[in-house]
Amino acid sequence: MQVSQTTFILYALIFLLVGGALGAWITRLIMRYPFGRNPLTGKDSYIGRKAVVVGKKHGILRVSLNSQVWNAECSDIDSVRIGDSVVVTDMDNLTLKVEKKVAPENLAQLDTDTMGRSS
């Protein structure tokens, strides 16, 4: 069976376009949710990461994360000081939602206080 050159080129172009689109979609999916690791891109990649408070003004924190400075909001902003470590819990547009990170030595103290009260 003979196939004309025009038909062959048309089928080849369709195959390349569909294959390229499918390959780009799979690559995006793998980059966003790599196997066995945290996401590399998007909002999900920031959640759970540690940031450092570099400024505080009018109820808005400025935090440094990956060498970038972000606006952040914290529910307990009065206890956060410049230089403290915070953990990103969510992101709303370009504002990070953070919580103060408890230092390990304070966590041990907190555990003993809690155990003493429950007895």
C-alpha atoms as a PDB file:
ATOM      1  CA  MET A   1       0.000   0.000   0.000  1.00  0.00           C
ATOM      2  CA  GLN A   2       1.345   3.360  -1.022  1.00  0.00           C
ATOM      3  CA  VAL A   3       0.920   6.423   1.237  1.00  0.00           C
ATOM      4  CA  SER A   4       1.242   9.831  -0.305  1.00  0.00           C
ATOM      5  CA  GLN A   5       3.939  12.166   0.914  1.00  0.00           C
ATOM      6  CA  THR A   6       1.361  14.730   2.122  1.00  0.00           C
ATOM      7  CA  THR A   7      -0.476  12.124   4.194  1.00  0.00           C
ATOM      8  CA  PHE A   8       2.800  10.914   5.703  1.00  0.00           C
ATOM      9  CA  ILE A   9       3.848  14.468   6.685  1.00  0.00           C
ATOM     10  CA  LEU A  10       0.394  15.165   8.147  1.00  0.00           C
ATOM     11  CA  TYR A  11       0.465  12.000  10.271  1.00  0.00           C
ATOM     12  CA  ALA A  12       4.049  12.725  11.369  1.00  0.00           C
ATOM     13  CA  LEU A  13       3.101  16.262  12.472  1.00  0.00           C
ATOM     14  CA  ILE A  14       0.063  15.010  14.400  1.00  0.00           C
ATOM     15  CA  PHE A  15       2.198  12.336  16.062  1.00  0.00           C
ATOM     16  CA  LEU A  16       4.867  14.894  17.051  1.00  0.00           C
ATOM     17  CA  LEU A  17       2.317  17.392  18.407  1.00  0.00           C
ATOM     18  CA  VAL A  18       0.416  14.806  20.465  1.00  0.00           C
ATOM     19  CA  GLY A  19       3.654  13.193  21.682  1.00  0.00           C
ATOM     20  CA  GLY A  20       5.148  16.575  22.612  1.00  0.00           C
ATOM     21  CA  ALA A  21       2.032  17.646  24.506  1.00  0.00           C
ATOM     22  CA  LEU A  22       1.852  14.332  26.359  1.00  0.00           C
ATOM     23  CA  GLY A  23       5.570  14.489  27.177  1.00  0.00           C
ATOM     24  CA  ALA A  24       5.267  18.056  28.497  1.00  0.00           C
ATOM     25  CA  TRP A  25       2.296  17.094  30.675  1.00  0.00           C
ATOM     26  CA  ILE A  26       4.095  14.063  32.137  1.00  0.00           C
ATOM     27  CA  THR A  27       7.253  16.126  32.757  1.00  0.00           C
ATOM     28  CA  ARG A  28       5.219  18.789  34.571  1.00  0.00           C
ATOM     29  CA  LEU A  29       3.515  16.134  36.690  1.00  0.00           C
ATOM     30  CA  ILE A  30       6.825  14.505  37.643  1.00  0.00           C
ATOM     31  CA  MET A  31       8.437  17.869  38.461  1.00  0.00           C
ATOM     32  CA  ARG A  32       5.480  18.899  40.603  1.00  0.00           C
ATOM     33  CA  TYR A  33       5.185  15.598  42.492  1.00  0.00           C
ATOM     34  CA  PRO A  34       8.478  13.685  42.202  1.00  0.00           C
ATOM     35  CA  PHE A  35       8.469  10.103  43.393  1.00  0.00           C
ATOM     36  CA  GLY A  36       9.230   9.826  47.117  1.00  0.00           C
ATOM     37  CA  ARG A  37      10.180  13.489  47.583  1.00  0.00           C
ATOM     38  CA  ASN A  38       8.531  16.782  48.371  1.00  0.00           C
ATOM     39  CA  PRO A  39       7.152  18.843  45.490  1.00  0.00           C
ATOM     40  CA  LEU A  40       9.753  20.940  43.669  1.00  0.00           C
ATOM     41  CA  THR A  41       7.481  23.681  42.353  1.00  0.00           C
ATOM     42  CA  GLY A  42       4.319  25.544  43.251  1.00  0.00           C
ATOM     43  CA  LYS A  43       2.611  26.349  46.521  1.00  0.00           C
ATOM     44  CA  ASP A  44       3.112  22.828  47.880  1.00  0.00           C
ATOM     45  CA  SER A  45       6.894  23.157  47.719  1.00  0.00           C
ATOM     46  CA  TYR A  46       6.904  25.902  50.407  1.00  0.00           C
ATOM     47  CA  ILE A  47       4.681  24.237  53.006  1.00  0.00           C
ATOM     48  CA  GLY A  48       6.732  22.795  55.867  1.00  0.00           C
ATOM     49  CA  ARG A  49       9.862  24.780  54.978  1.00  0.00           C
ATOM     50  CA  LYS A  50      11.774  26.820  57.546  1.00  0.00           C
ATOM     51  CA  ALA A  51      12.074  30.592  57.148  1.00  0.00           C
ATOM     52  CA  VAL A  52      13.796  33.287  59.205  1.00  0.00           C
ATOM     53  CA  VAL A  53      12.058  36.490  60.289  1.00  0.00           C
ATOM     54  CA  VAL A  54      13.961  39.505  58.922  1.00  0.00           C
ATOM     55  CA  GLY A  55      11.423  42.253  59.622  1.00  0.00           C
ATOM     56  CA  LYS A  56       8.170  43.057  61.365  1.00  0.00           C
ATOM     57  CA  LYS A  57       5.944  46.040  60.597  1.00  0.00           C
ATOM     58  CA  HIS A  58       2.237  46.821  61.047  1.00  0.00           C
ATOM     59  CA  GLY A  59       1.225  43.215  61.748  1.00  0.00           C
ATOM     60  CA  ILE A  60       3.058  41.832  58.712  1.00  0.00           C
ATOM     61  CA  LEU A  61       6.224  39.786  58.988  1.00  0.00           C
ATOM     62  CA  ARG A  62       9.014  39.773  56.421  1.00  0.00           C
ATOM     63  CA  VAL A  63      10.643  36.360  56.225  1.00  0.00           C
ATOM     64  CA  SER A  64      13.611  35.061  54.261  1.00  0.00           C
ATOM     65  CA  LEU A  65      13.065  31.760  52.463  1.00  0.00           C
ATOM     66  CA  ASN A  66      15.449  30.446  49.776  1.00  0.00           C
ATOM     67  CA  SER A  67      17.250  33.812  49.669  1.00  0.00           C
ATOM     68  CA  GLN A  68      13.969  35.552  48.870  1.00  0.00           C
ATOM     69  CA  VAL A  69      12.068  37.900  51.183  1.00  0.00           C
ATOM     70  CA  TRP A  70       8.325  37.219  51.507  1.00  0.00           C
ATOM     71  CA  ASN A  71       5.426  38.848  53.325  1.00  0.00           C
ATOM     72  CA  ALA A  72       4.063  36.558  56.012  1.00  0.00           C
ATOM     73  CA  GLU A  73       1.228  36.409  58.505  1.00  0.00           C
ATOM     74  CA  CYS A  74       1.347  34.691  61.879  1.00  0.00           C
ATOM     75  CA  SER A  75      -1.514  34.022  64.305  1.00  0.00           C
ATOM     76  CA  ASP A  76       0.783  34.681  67.279  1.00  0.00           C
ATOM     77  CA  ILE A  77       2.716  37.650  65.875  1.00  0.00           C
ATOM     78  CA  ASP A  78       3.466  39.138  69.320  1.00  0.00           C
ATOM     79  CA  SER A  79       5.716  36.203  70.281  1.00  0.00           C
ATOM     80  CA  VAL A  80       7.738  36.324  67.041  1.00  0.00           C
ATOM     81  CA  ARG A  81      10.945  38.385  66.998  1.00  0.00           C
ATOM     82  CA  ILE A  82      13.409  39.258  64.265  1.00  0.00           C
ATOM     83  CA  GLY A  83      15.836  36.358  63.821  1.00  0.00           C
ATOM     84  CA  ASP A  84      13.332  33.686  64.945  1.00  0.00           C
ATOM     85  CA  SER A  85      12.745  30.606  62.837  1.00  0.00           C
ATOM     86  CA  VAL A  86       9.219  30.026  61.580  1.00  0.00           C
ATOM     87  CA  VAL A  87       7.612  27.197  59.613  1.00  0.00           C
ATOM     88  CA  VAL A  88       5.431  27.821  56.565  1.00  0.00           C
ATOM     89  CA  THR A  89       1.974  26.293  57.039  1.00  0.00           C
ATOM     90  CA  ASP A  90       0.137  27.700  54.010  1.00  0.00           C
ATOM     91  CA  MET A  91       0.306  30.269  51.236  1.00  0.00           C
ATOM     92  CA  ASP A  92      -2.397  32.739  50.209  1.00  0.00           C
ATOM     93  CA  ASN A  93      -1.511  34.482  46.936  1.00  0.00           C
ATOM     94  CA  LEU A  94       2.011  35.798  47.661  1.00  0.00           C
ATOM     95  CA  THR A  95       1.660  35.906  51.456  1.00  0.00           C
ATOM     96  CA  LEU A  96       2.997  33.018  53.507  1.00  0.00           C
ATOM     97  CA  LYS A  97       1.137  31.778  56.586  1.00  0.00           C
ATOM     98  CA  VAL A  98       3.699  30.868  59.242  1.00  0.00           C
ATOM     99  CA  GLU A  99       3.878  29.542  62.789  1.00  0.00           C
ATOM    100  CA  LYS A 100       6.734  30.050  65.221  1.00  0.00           C
ATOM    101  CA  LYS A 101       9.094  27.116  65.367  1.00  0.00           C
ATOM    102  CA  VAL A 102       9.639  25.778  68.894  1.00  0.00           C
ATOM    103  CA  ALA A 103      13.311  25.176  69.710  1.00  0.00           C
ATOM    104  CA  PRO A 104      14.152  21.564  70.753  1.00  0.00           C
ATOM    105  CA  GLU A 105      15.256  22.625  74.251  1.00  0.00           C
ATOM    106  CA  ASN A 106      11.984  24.509  74.730  1.00  0.00           C
ATOM    107  CA  LEU A 107      10.061  21.502  73.434  1.00  0.00           C
ATOM    108  CA  ALA A 108      11.607  19.258  76.109  1.00  0.00           C
ATOM    109  CA  GLN A 109      10.679  21.846  78.750  1.00  0.00           C
ATOM    110  CA  LEU A 110       7.164  22.029  77.328  1.00  0.00           C
ATOM    111  CA  ASP A 111       6.822  18.228  77.557  1.00  0.00           C
ATOM    112  CA  THR A 112       7.883  18.142  81.211  1.00  0.00           C
ATOM    113  CA  ASP A 113       5.512  21.029  82.040  1.00  0.00           C
ATOM    114  CA  THR A 114       2.636  19.246  80.342  1.00  0.00           C
ATOM    115  CA  MET A 115       3.387  15.966  82.105  1.00  0.00           C
ATOM    116  CA  GLY A 116       3.538  17.709  85.475  1.00  0.00           C
ATOM    117  CA  ARG A 117       0.143  19.339  84.984  1.00  0.00           C
ATOM    118  CA  SER A 118      -1.651  16.209  83.830  1.00  0.00           C
ATOM    119  CA  SER A 119      -0.678  14.192  86.912  1.00  0.00           C
END
